[in-house]
Amino acid sequence: MVPGDAVVADDDGVVVIHRRDAADVVAKGEKRRADEDGKRQKLAAGVLGLDMYNMREPLAKAGLVYIDEPESD
């Protein structure tokens, strides 16, 4: 750590960011937050993570079937 480095702490831990990397780290953090906000909105609207992450085909290839609604008796 050298003078000018950023020290960021939260409930998950502490990180030191070199001054020369700070702008890049901020930009990447803002992009990640925007991506996560978009995912939260989709999930709140009822989109399944299974579909959001395109997992139906890989699961089918593994021999698994996702059942959207329970079978009636």
N, C-alpha and C. Protein backbone atom coordinates (compact mmCIF):
# COMPACT_ATOMS: atom_id res chain seq x y z
N MET A 1 0.84 -1.16 0.00
CA MET A 1 0.00 0.00 0.00
C MET A 1 0.89 1.24 0.00
N VAL A 2 0.50 2.20 -0.83
CA VAL A 2 1.26 3.46 -0.90
C VAL A 2 0.28 4.62 -0.79
N PRO A 3 0.76 5.79 -0.40
CA PRO A 3 -0.14 6.95 -0.31
C PRO A 3 -0.90 7.15 -1.62
N GLY A 4 -2.19 7.40 -1.50
CA GLY A 4 -3.05 7.60 -2.67
C GLY A 4 -3.86 6.38 -3.03
N ASP A 5 -3.49 5.21 -2.51
CA ASP A 5 -4.28 4.01 -2.75
C ASP A 5 -5.61 4.13 -2.03
N ALA A 6 -6.62 3.47 -2.54
CA ALA A 6 -7.95 3.49 -1.92
C ALA A 6 -8.13 2.24 -1.07
N VAL A 7 -8.64 2.42 0.12
CA VAL A 7 -8.97 1.31 1.00
C VAL A 7 -10.49 1.29 1.11
N VAL A 8 -11.09 0.16 0.67
CA VAL A 8 -12.55 0.02 0.67
C VAL A 8 -12.91 -1.14 1.57
N ALA A 9 -13.86 -0.90 2.48
CA ALA A 9 -14.26 -1.95 3.42
C ALA A 9 -15.78 -2.01 3.50
N ASP A 10 -16.30 -3.22 3.66
CA ASP A 10 -17.72 -3.42 3.93
C ASP A 10 -17.86 -4.65 4.81
N ASP A 11 -19.08 -5.15 4.94
CA ASP A 11 -19.32 -6.31 5.81
C ASP A 11 -18.62 -7.58 5.31
N ASP A 12 -18.25 -7.60 4.02
CA ASP A 12 -17.62 -8.79 3.46
C ASP A 12 -16.11 -8.79 3.53
N GLY A 13 -15.52 -7.62 3.77
CA GLY A 13 -14.07 -7.59 3.84
C GLY A 13 -13.49 -6.24 3.49
N VAL A 14 -12.18 -6.25 3.24
CA VAL A 14 -11.43 -5.03 2.95
C VAL A 14 -10.57 -5.29 1.72
N VAL A 15 -10.47 -4.26 0.87
CA VAL A 15 -9.61 -4.37 -0.30
C VAL A 15 -8.86 -3.06 -0.49
N VAL A 16 -7.63 -3.17 -0.96
CA VAL A 16 -6.82 -1.99 -1.29
C VAL A 16 -6.73 -1.91 -2.80
N ILE A 17 -7.05 -0.74 -3.34
CA ILE A 17 -7.01 -0.54 -4.78
C ILE A 17 -5.93 0.49 -5.08
N HIS A 18 -5.00 0.10 -5.93
CA HIS A 18 -3.93 1.03 -6.30
C HIS A 18 -4.53 2.24 -7.01
N ARG A 19 -3.99 3.38 -6.73
CA ARG A 19 -4.50 4.64 -7.30
C ARG A 19 -4.62 4.55 -8.82
N ARG A 20 -3.64 3.95 -9.48
CA ARG A 20 -3.64 3.88 -10.94
C ARG A 20 -4.79 3.02 -11.47
N ASP A 21 -5.34 2.14 -10.64
CA ASP A 21 -6.41 1.24 -11.06
C ASP A 21 -7.80 1.70 -10.63
N ALA A 22 -7.87 2.75 -9.83
CA ALA A 22 -9.13 3.15 -9.21
C ALA A 22 -10.23 3.46 -10.23
N ALA A 23 -9.94 4.22 -11.27
CA ALA A 23 -10.97 4.58 -12.25
C ALA A 23 -11.52 3.33 -12.95
N ASP A 24 -10.64 2.40 -13.29
CA ASP A 24 -11.06 1.16 -13.95
C ASP A 24 -11.94 0.32 -13.01
N VAL A 25 -11.53 0.23 -11.75
CA VAL A 25 -12.31 -0.54 -10.77
C VAL A 25 -13.69 0.07 -10.57
N VAL A 26 -13.77 1.39 -10.52
CA VAL A 26 -15.06 2.07 -10.37
C VAL A 26 -15.95 1.78 -11.57
N ALA A 27 -15.41 1.88 -12.78
CA ALA A 27 -16.19 1.63 -13.99
C ALA A 27 -16.71 0.20 -14.02
N LYS A 28 -15.86 -0.76 -13.67
CA LYS A 28 -16.28 -2.16 -13.65
C LYS A 28 -17.33 -2.41 -12.56
N GLY A 29 -17.17 -1.76 -11.42
CA GLY A 29 -18.16 -1.90 -10.34
C GLY A 29 -19.51 -1.34 -10.74
N GLU A 30 -19.52 -0.20 -11.41
CA GLU A 30 -20.78 0.39 -11.86
C GLU A 30 -21.46 -0.50 -12.90
N LYS A 31 -20.68 -1.09 -13.80
CA LYS A 31 -21.25 -1.99 -14.81
C LYS A 31 -21.85 -3.22 -14.13
N ARG A 32 -21.13 -3.77 -13.16
CA ARG A 32 -21.63 -4.95 -12.46
C ARG A 32 -22.93 -4.63 -11.72
N ARG A 33 -22.97 -3.46 -11.06
CA ARG A 33 -24.19 -3.08 -10.35
C ARG A 33 -25.36 -2.96 -11.33
N ALA A 34 -25.14 -2.34 -12.48
CA ALA A 34 -26.20 -2.20 -13.47
C ALA A 34 -26.66 -3.57 -13.98
N ASP A 35 -25.71 -4.47 -14.23
CA ASP A 35 -26.06 -5.83 -14.68
C ASP A 35 -26.89 -6.55 -13.62
N GLU A 36 -26.48 -6.44 -12.38
CA GLU A 36 -27.20 -7.11 -11.29
C GLU A 36 -28.59 -6.50 -11.09
N ASP A 37 -28.70 -5.17 -11.23
CA ASP A 37 -30.01 -4.53 -11.12
C ASP A 37 -30.94 -5.06 -12.21
N GLY A 38 -30.43 -5.22 -13.42
CA GLY A 38 -31.23 -5.76 -14.52
C GLY A 38 -31.68 -7.18 -14.23
N LYS A 39 -30.80 -7.99 -13.69
CA LYS A 39 -31.15 -9.37 -13.35
C LYS A 39 -32.21 -9.40 -12.25
N ARG A 40 -32.06 -8.55 -11.24
CA ARG A 40 -33.06 -8.51 -10.16
C ARG A 40 -34.42 -8.12 -10.70
N GLN A 41 -34.47 -7.17 -11.63
CA GLN A 41 -35.74 -6.76 -12.23
C GLN A 41 -36.37 -7.92 -12.99
N LYS A 42 -35.57 -8.66 -13.75
CA LYS A 42 -36.10 -9.81 -14.49
C LYS A 42 -36.65 -10.86 -13.53
N LEU A 43 -35.89 -11.16 -12.48
CA LEU A 43 -36.35 -12.16 -11.51
C LEU A 43 -37.63 -11.70 -10.81
N ALA A 44 -37.71 -10.42 -10.48
CA ALA A 44 -38.91 -9.88 -9.82
C ALA A 44 -40.12 -9.95 -10.76
N ALA A 45 -39.87 -9.89 -12.07
CA ALA A 45 -40.95 -9.96 -13.06
C ALA A 45 -41.36 -11.40 -13.33
N GLY A 46 -40.67 -12.35 -12.71
CA GLY A 46 -41.07 -13.75 -12.86
C GLY A 46 -40.21 -14.59 -13.79
N VAL A 47 -39.17 -13.99 -14.37
CA VAL A 47 -38.27 -14.77 -15.22
C VAL A 47 -37.49 -15.72 -14.33
N LEU A 48 -37.41 -16.97 -14.73
CA LEU A 48 -36.67 -17.96 -13.95
C LEU A 48 -35.18 -17.84 -14.24
N GLY A 49 -34.37 -18.03 -13.22
CA GLY A 49 -32.93 -18.05 -13.41
C GLY A 49 -32.55 -19.12 -14.42
N LEU A 50 -33.30 -20.19 -14.44
CA LEU A 50 -33.10 -21.28 -15.39
C LEU A 50 -33.12 -20.76 -16.82
N ASP A 51 -34.04 -19.85 -17.11
CA ASP A 51 -34.14 -19.29 -18.45
C ASP A 51 -33.17 -18.12 -18.65
N MET A 52 -33.00 -17.32 -17.63
CA MET A 52 -32.11 -16.16 -17.72
C MET A 52 -30.68 -16.60 -18.04
N TYR A 53 -30.28 -17.74 -17.50
CA TYR A 53 -28.93 -18.24 -17.72
C TYR A 53 -28.88 -19.36 -18.76
N ASN A 54 -29.99 -19.53 -19.51
CA ASN A 54 -30.05 -20.52 -20.61
C ASN A 54 -29.62 -21.92 -20.16
N MET A 55 -30.23 -22.40 -19.09
CA MET A 55 -29.84 -23.69 -18.53
C MET A 55 -30.72 -24.86 -18.97
N ARG A 56 -31.84 -24.60 -19.65
CA ARG A 56 -32.72 -25.71 -20.02
C ARG A 56 -32.01 -26.72 -20.92
N GLU A 57 -31.32 -26.23 -21.95
CA GLU A 57 -30.65 -27.15 -22.87
C GLU A 57 -29.54 -27.96 -22.20
N PRO A 58 -28.64 -27.32 -21.42
CA PRO A 58 -27.62 -28.13 -20.74
C PRO A 58 -28.22 -29.15 -19.78
N LEU A 59 -29.30 -28.79 -19.10
CA LEU A 59 -29.95 -29.75 -18.21
C LEU A 59 -30.56 -30.90 -19.00
N ALA A 60 -31.20 -30.58 -20.14
CA ALA A 60 -31.78 -31.62 -20.98
C ALA A 60 -30.69 -32.57 -21.49
N LYS A 61 -29.54 -32.01 -21.88
CA LYS A 61 -28.43 -32.84 -22.34
C LYS A 61 -27.93 -33.77 -21.25
N ALA A 62 -28.08 -33.34 -19.99
CA ALA A 62 -27.68 -34.16 -18.85
C ALA A 62 -28.78 -35.14 -18.45
N GLY A 63 -29.90 -35.12 -19.18
CA GLY A 63 -30.99 -36.05 -18.90
C GLY A 63 -31.98 -35.56 -17.86
N LEU A 64 -31.92 -34.28 -17.54
CA LEU A 64 -32.82 -33.72 -16.54
C LEU A 64 -33.93 -32.92 -17.21
N VAL A 65 -35.09 -32.92 -16.59
CA VAL A 65 -36.23 -32.19 -17.12
C VAL A 65 -36.75 -31.27 -16.03
N TYR A 66 -36.90 -29.99 -16.35
CA TYR A 66 -37.48 -29.04 -15.39
C TYR A 66 -38.98 -29.04 -15.62
N ILE A 67 -39.74 -29.21 -14.57
CA ILE A 67 -41.20 -29.23 -14.65
C ILE A 67 -41.69 -27.87 -14.15
N ASP A 68 -42.32 -27.10 -15.06
CA ASP A 68 -42.81 -25.78 -14.71
C ASP A 68 -43.98 -25.82 -13.73
N GLU A 69 -44.84 -26.79 -13.91
CA GLU A 69 -46.01 -26.92 -13.03
C GLU A 69 -46.13 -28.36 -12.58
N PRO A 70 -46.53 -28.57 -11.34
CA PRO A 70 -46.68 -29.96 -10.86
C PRO A 70 -47.75 -30.70 -11.65
N GLU A 71 -47.51 -31.98 -11.82
CA GLU A 71 -48.51 -32.81 -12.49
C GLU A 71 -49.75 -32.94 -11.63
N SER A 72 -50.90 -32.92 -12.27
CA SER A 72 -52.15 -33.11 -11.50
C SER A 72 -52.39 -34.58 -11.30
N ASP A 73 -53.11 -34.91 -10.22
CA ASP A 73 -53.39 -36.31 -9.90
C ASP A 73 -54.38 -36.92 -10.82
